[in-house]
């Protein structure tokens, strides 16, 4: 009897130790059509010192375009583009985390059908978590917003934007949690434009009612600085891709005549002597 009791205690302790979470906190915030016409998911985590470095493997949506890993504070962040790989029909990022606090930004597509929108996020991680949160922002430009999770908390930020939050307790490693949402976007706009227009209208109204100095400005909402920078990086990536595709599809000179101006050219020349176009 004593022998079996010791084995039971040993197995119980092993199970508890094996499922011990390396995270002090773990939150996911999903922003549909906020900075751009797709979805941005922000993952913010804090790791216990004793768990560093941490082998981190996270599922990302199959239509993911870009992933960025951010460390450091909001004023001087270090931003690193992170690769993701496909394993069957599922995509993952693999990262050795050496930072106590980190953020990961995932940019992916949104299903669109006319004014209808639908999106999802499948959460799967290779570590257990004692308590995590998944939050979905309800776009300012949305109507008829429907969230898949019946049990959730509703709250607003300082701008009056609605959020829906669910708690995940005692998450076990590699378990899959899916959340999805649908809504209509009659204006075909994004939330940041609507937010800026609202603040501009507030400024104009305040200015007409008061002759005093106006110091109202768009408040920094965490993590505005980081997200703004990341948005610029993603925009630059799209620009480079479009430029590359344009150059690859540009017709070449045929025969001894320039395709731009039609002038006769030297077959060995690299540029047209008349218009300077590349041959």
Protein backbone atom coordinates (compact mmCIF):
# COMPACT_ATOMS: atom_id res chain seq x y z
CA UNK A 1 0.00 0.00 0.00
CA UNK A 2 2.79 2.38 0.92
CA UNK A 3 4.55 1.58 -2.36
CA UNK A 4 1.47 2.47 -4.44
CA UNK A 5 0.90 5.65 -2.46
CA UNK A 6 4.47 6.81 -3.16
CA UNK A 7 4.05 6.03 -6.86
CA UNK A 8 0.78 7.99 -6.93
CA UNK A 9 2.39 11.01 -5.30
CA UNK A 10 5.37 10.81 -7.65
CA UNK A 11 3.15 10.64 -10.73
CA UNK A 12 1.03 13.54 -9.49
CA UNK A 13 4.06 15.70 -8.85
CA UNK A 14 5.49 14.81 -12.25
CA UNK A 15 2.22 15.76 -13.96
CA UNK A 16 2.05 19.08 -12.14
CA UNK A 17 5.68 19.85 -12.96
CA UNK A 18 5.28 18.78 -16.59
CA UNK A 19 2.30 21.09 -17.05
CA UNK A 20 3.85 24.03 -15.19
CA UNK A 21 3.36 27.17 -17.25
CA UNK A 22 6.44 29.16 -18.30
CA UNK A 23 4.27 32.27 -18.72
CA UNK A 24 3.49 34.87 -16.12
CA UNK A 25 0.91 36.36 -18.50
CA UNK A 26 -0.32 35.67 -22.03
CA UNK A 27 -2.84 37.74 -23.99
CA UNK A 28 -4.03 37.79 -27.60
CA UNK A 29 -5.82 40.82 -29.08
CA UNK A 30 -7.35 40.55 -32.55
CA UNK A 31 -7.94 43.72 -34.58
CA UNK A 32 -10.09 43.24 -37.72
CA UNK A 33 -9.81 46.11 -40.22
CA UNK A 34 -8.11 48.47 -37.81
CA UNK A 35 -4.87 49.65 -39.45
CA UNK A 36 -5.46 47.91 -42.76
CA UNK A 37 -8.18 45.97 -44.56
CA UNK A 38 -7.17 42.61 -43.09
CA UNK A 39 -6.68 41.29 -39.56
CA UNK A 40 -3.85 42.01 -37.14
CA UNK A 41 -3.38 39.78 -34.11
CA UNK A 42 -1.16 41.05 -31.28
CA UNK A 43 0.24 38.49 -28.85
CA UNK A 44 1.77 39.84 -25.65
CA UNK A 45 3.57 37.48 -23.31
CA UNK A 46 5.74 37.60 -20.20
CA UNK A 47 7.98 34.63 -19.40
CA UNK A 48 9.34 33.63 -16.00
CA UNK A 49 13.11 34.11 -15.75
CA UNK A 50 13.54 30.45 -14.83
CA UNK A 51 11.92 29.39 -18.15
CA UNK A 52 14.28 31.36 -20.41
CA UNK A 53 15.31 30.64 -23.09
CA UNK A 54 11.95 29.28 -24.23
CA UNK A 55 11.30 27.11 -27.27
CA UNK A 56 8.17 28.79 -28.65
CA UNK A 57 5.96 27.21 -31.31
CA UNK A 58 2.69 28.95 -32.18
CA UNK A 59 0.09 28.24 -34.84
CA UNK A 60 -0.70 31.14 -37.18
CA UNK A 61 -3.58 31.47 -39.68
CA UNK A 62 -3.00 29.64 -42.97
CA UNK A 63 -3.39 32.91 -44.93
CA UNK A 64 -0.79 34.76 -42.84
CA UNK A 65 1.14 37.40 -44.79
CA UNK A 66 3.71 38.65 -42.27
CA UNK A 67 4.84 37.99 -38.70
CA UNK A 68 6.91 40.38 -36.56
CA UNK A 69 8.57 39.70 -33.20
CA UNK A 70 8.97 42.79 -31.01
CA UNK A 71 11.10 43.13 -27.90
CA UNK A 72 12.16 46.14 -25.83
CA UNK A 73 9.96 48.99 -24.64
CA UNK A 74 7.44 50.96 -26.71
CA UNK A 75 9.82 53.91 -27.18
CA UNK A 76 12.80 51.90 -28.48
CA UNK A 77 11.42 48.60 -29.73
CA UNK A 78 13.46 45.98 -31.55
CA UNK A 79 11.43 44.63 -34.45
CA UNK A 80 12.34 41.41 -36.20
CA UNK A 81 10.50 39.85 -39.12
CA UNK A 82 9.83 36.21 -38.25
CA UNK A 83 9.47 33.35 -40.69
CA UNK A 84 6.63 30.86 -40.51
CA UNK A 85 6.43 27.40 -42.04
CA UNK A 86 3.65 25.10 -43.21
CA UNK A 87 3.15 21.67 -41.69
CA UNK A 88 0.42 20.03 -43.71
CA UNK A 89 -2.52 22.44 -43.74
CA UNK A 90 -1.33 24.31 -40.64
CA UNK A 91 1.23 27.11 -40.38
CA UNK A 92 3.51 27.68 -37.38
CA UNK A 93 6.19 30.05 -36.19
CA UNK A 94 9.15 28.57 -34.33
CA UNK A 95 11.15 30.96 -32.18
CA UNK A 96 13.66 30.70 -29.36
CA UNK A 97 12.42 33.40 -26.98
CA UNK A 98 15.17 34.98 -24.88
CA UNK A 99 13.22 38.06 -23.77
CA UNK A 100 11.24 38.20 -20.56
CA UNK A 101 8.59 40.33 -22.27
CA UNK A 102 7.74 40.15 -25.96
CA UNK A 103 5.09 40.85 -28.54
CA UNK A 104 4.24 39.10 -31.77
CA UNK A 105 2.23 40.76 -34.53
CA UNK A 106 0.52 38.54 -37.10
CA UNK A 107 -0.99 40.05 -40.25
CA UNK A 108 -3.43 37.90 -42.20
CA UNK A 109 -6.41 38.09 -44.53
CA UNK A 110 -10.09 38.62 -43.86
CA UNK A 111 -12.86 36.84 -45.77
CA UNK A 112 -14.98 39.37 -47.68
CA UNK A 113 -18.28 38.94 -49.48
CA UNK A 114 -19.69 42.32 -50.49
CA UNK A 115 -20.05 44.23 -47.23
CA UNK A 116 -19.91 40.97 -45.25
CA UNK A 117 -16.78 40.10 -43.28
CA UNK A 118 -15.68 36.94 -41.48
CA UNK A 119 -12.49 36.06 -39.66
CA UNK A 120 -11.06 33.52 -37.24
CA UNK A 121 -8.08 32.74 -35.05
CA UNK A 122 -6.96 29.22 -34.15
CA UNK A 123 -4.84 29.27 -31.02
CA UNK A 124 -2.37 26.43 -30.50
CA UNK A 125 0.83 26.67 -28.45
CA UNK A 126 3.43 24.12 -27.38
CA UNK A 127 3.35 25.20 -23.71
CA UNK A 128 0.68 25.15 -21.00
CA UNK A 129 -0.73 28.44 -19.68
CA UNK A 130 -2.36 28.93 -16.30
CA UNK A 131 -4.51 31.82 -17.52
CA UNK A 132 -4.73 33.44 -20.95
CA UNK A 133 -7.08 35.91 -22.60
CA UNK A 134 -8.28 36.22 -26.18
CA UNK A 135 -9.76 39.62 -27.03
CA UNK A 136 -11.49 40.62 -30.26
CA UNK A 137 -11.99 44.26 -31.16
CA UNK A 138 -15.32 45.17 -32.70
CA UNK A 139 -14.44 47.49 -35.61
CA UNK A 140 -15.80 51.02 -35.49
CA UNK A 141 -16.93 50.54 -39.09
CA UNK A 142 -18.88 47.36 -38.30
CA UNK A 143 -22.53 46.52 -37.80
CA UNK A 144 -24.25 43.24 -36.86
CA UNK A 145 -21.08 42.00 -35.14
CA UNK A 146 -21.39 38.35 -34.07
CA UNK A 147 -18.82 36.62 -31.84
CA UNK A 148 -18.56 32.83 -31.66
CA UNK A 149 -18.07 32.73 -27.88
CA UNK A 150 -21.35 32.95 -25.99
CA UNK A 151 -19.60 33.42 -22.64
CA UNK A 152 -17.47 36.54 -22.85
CA UNK A 153 -16.92 39.96 -21.29
CA UNK A 154 -17.75 43.20 -23.07
CA UNK A 155 -15.78 46.36 -22.37
CA UNK A 156 -14.83 49.64 -24.05
CA UNK A 157 -11.51 51.46 -24.33
CA UNK A 158 -10.93 55.20 -23.94
CA UNK A 159 -12.12 55.79 -27.51
CA UNK A 160 -15.42 53.99 -26.99
CA UNK A 161 -14.43 51.00 -29.14
CA UNK A 162 -16.06 47.73 -28.08
CA UNK A 163 -14.03 44.64 -27.18
CA UNK A 164 -15.05 41.09 -26.41
CA UNK A 165 -12.82 39.05 -24.08
CA UNK A 166 -12.74 35.39 -23.12
CA UNK A 167 -10.68 33.72 -20.38
CA UNK A 168 -8.79 30.49 -20.98
CA UNK A 169 -7.91 28.76 -17.75
CA UNK A 170 -5.45 25.87 -17.41
CA UNK A 171 -4.65 25.66 -21.10
CA UNK A 172 -2.79 22.43 -21.89
CA UNK A 173 0.05 22.40 -24.41
CA UNK A 174 -0.91 21.89 -28.08
CA UNK A 175 -4.65 22.11 -27.40
CA UNK A 176 -6.56 24.02 -30.10
CA UNK A 177 -8.90 26.91 -29.27
CA UNK A 178 -10.80 28.52 -32.13
CA UNK A 179 -12.62 31.85 -32.09
CA UNK A 180 -14.40 33.41 -35.05
CA UNK A 181 -16.49 36.43 -35.83
CA UNK A 182 -18.65 37.94 -38.57
CA UNK A 183 -19.91 41.46 -39.25
CA UNK A 184 -20.91 43.90 -41.98
CA UNK A 185 -18.82 46.85 -43.12
CA UNK A 186 -21.19 49.11 -45.11
CA UNK A 187 -18.57 51.88 -45.53
CA UNK A 188 -15.75 49.56 -46.71
CA UNK A 189 -13.46 51.69 -44.51
CA UNK A 190 -11.06 50.84 -41.67
CA UNK A 191 -11.40 51.77 -37.99
CA UNK A 192 -8.38 54.08 -37.71
CA UNK A 193 -9.82 56.37 -40.40
CA UNK A 194 -13.18 56.47 -38.64
CA UNK A 195 -11.46 57.16 -35.32
CA UNK A 196 -9.40 60.02 -36.71
CA UNK A 197 -12.45 61.55 -38.38
CA UNK A 198 -14.32 61.41 -35.07
CA UNK A 199 -11.51 63.13 -33.20
CA UNK A 200 -11.18 65.75 -35.93
CA UNK A 201 -14.90 66.51 -35.64
CA UNK A 202 -14.46 66.81 -31.85
CA UNK A 203 -11.61 69.26 -32.36
CA UNK A 204 -13.65 71.38 -34.76
CA UNK A 205 -16.64 71.42 -32.40
CA UNK A 206 -14.46 72.36 -29.43
CA UNK A 207 -12.71 75.10 -31.41
CA UNK A 208 -16.03 76.67 -32.36
CA UNK A 209 -17.16 76.70 -28.73
CA UNK A 210 -13.98 78.01 -27.12
CA UNK A 211 -11.44 80.67 -27.96
CA UNK A 212 -8.83 79.10 -25.67
CA UNK A 213 -5.88 77.01 -26.85
CA UNK A 214 -6.75 73.49 -28.03
CA UNK A 215 -4.32 70.77 -26.98
CA UNK A 216 -6.49 67.78 -27.82
CA UNK A 217 -4.69 65.08 -29.75
CA UNK A 218 -5.14 61.44 -30.62
CA UNK A 219 -4.12 59.57 -27.46
CA UNK A 220 -1.46 56.93 -27.75
CA UNK A 221 -3.07 53.59 -27.29
CA UNK A 222 -0.89 50.69 -26.56
CA UNK A 223 0.95 49.81 -28.71
CA UNK A 224 0.38 52.61 -31.27
CA UNK A 225 4.07 53.41 -31.83
CA UNK A 226 4.99 49.79 -32.49
CA UNK A 227 1.96 49.14 -34.69
CA UNK A 228 2.56 52.28 -36.72
CA UNK A 229 6.12 51.24 -37.43
CA UNK A 230 5.08 47.71 -38.28
CA UNK A 231 2.41 49.04 -40.64
CA UNK A 232 5.07 51.04 -42.49
CA UNK A 233 7.26 47.94 -42.76
CA UNK A 234 4.40 45.86 -44.12
CA UNK A 235 3.50 48.62 -46.59
CA UNK A 236 7.10 48.70 -47.80
CA UNK A 237 7.03 44.93 -48.27
CA UNK A 238 3.86 45.15 -50.36
CA UNK A 239 5.40 47.95 -52.43
CA UNK A 240 8.56 45.92 -53.11
CA UNK A 241 6.48 42.91 -54.08
CA UNK A 242 4.30 44.91 -56.49
CA UNK A 243 7.37 46.60 -57.99
CA UNK A 244 9.06 43.25 -58.49
CA UNK A 245 5.97 41.79 -60.16
CA UNK A 246 5.69 44.84 -62.43
CA UNK A 247 9.32 44.58 -63.51
CA UNK A 248 8.99 40.85 -64.15
CA UNK A 249 5.94 41.33 -66.36
CA UNK A 250 7.29 44.35 -68.29
CA UNK A 251 7.68 43.46 -72.00
CA UNK A 252 11.15 43.38 -73.44
CA UNK A 253 12.39 45.11 -76.56
CA UNK A 254 11.66 43.18 -79.73
CA UNK A 255 13.84 43.25 -82.81
CA UNK A 256 15.80 46.46 -83.32
CA UNK A 257 13.15 48.90 -82.10
CA UNK A 258 12.48 50.42 -78.65
CA UNK A 259 9.12 49.36 -77.19
CA UNK A 260 8.77 52.73 -75.43
CA UNK A 261 9.34 55.24 -78.26
CA UNK A 262 9.61 53.00 -81.36
CA UNK A 263 13.05 54.36 -82.33
CA UNK A 264 15.59 52.08 -83.94
CA UNK A 265 18.19 50.82 -81.44
CA UNK A 266 21.56 49.13 -81.46
CA UNK A 267 21.01 45.40 -80.72
CA UNK A 268 23.94 45.50 -78.25
CA UNK A 269 22.70 48.61 -76.40
CA UNK A 270 21.28 48.33 -72.87
CA UNK A 271 19.36 51.65 -73.06
CA UNK A 272 17.52 53.44 -75.83
CA UNK A 273 19.60 56.32 -77.22
CA UNK A 274 16.42 58.33 -77.89
CA UNK A 275 14.30 58.00 -74.71
CA UNK A 276 16.69 56.29 -72.31
CA UNK A 277 14.36 53.33 -71.63
CA UNK A 278 16.00 50.14 -70.38
CA UNK A 279 16.10 47.44 -73.06
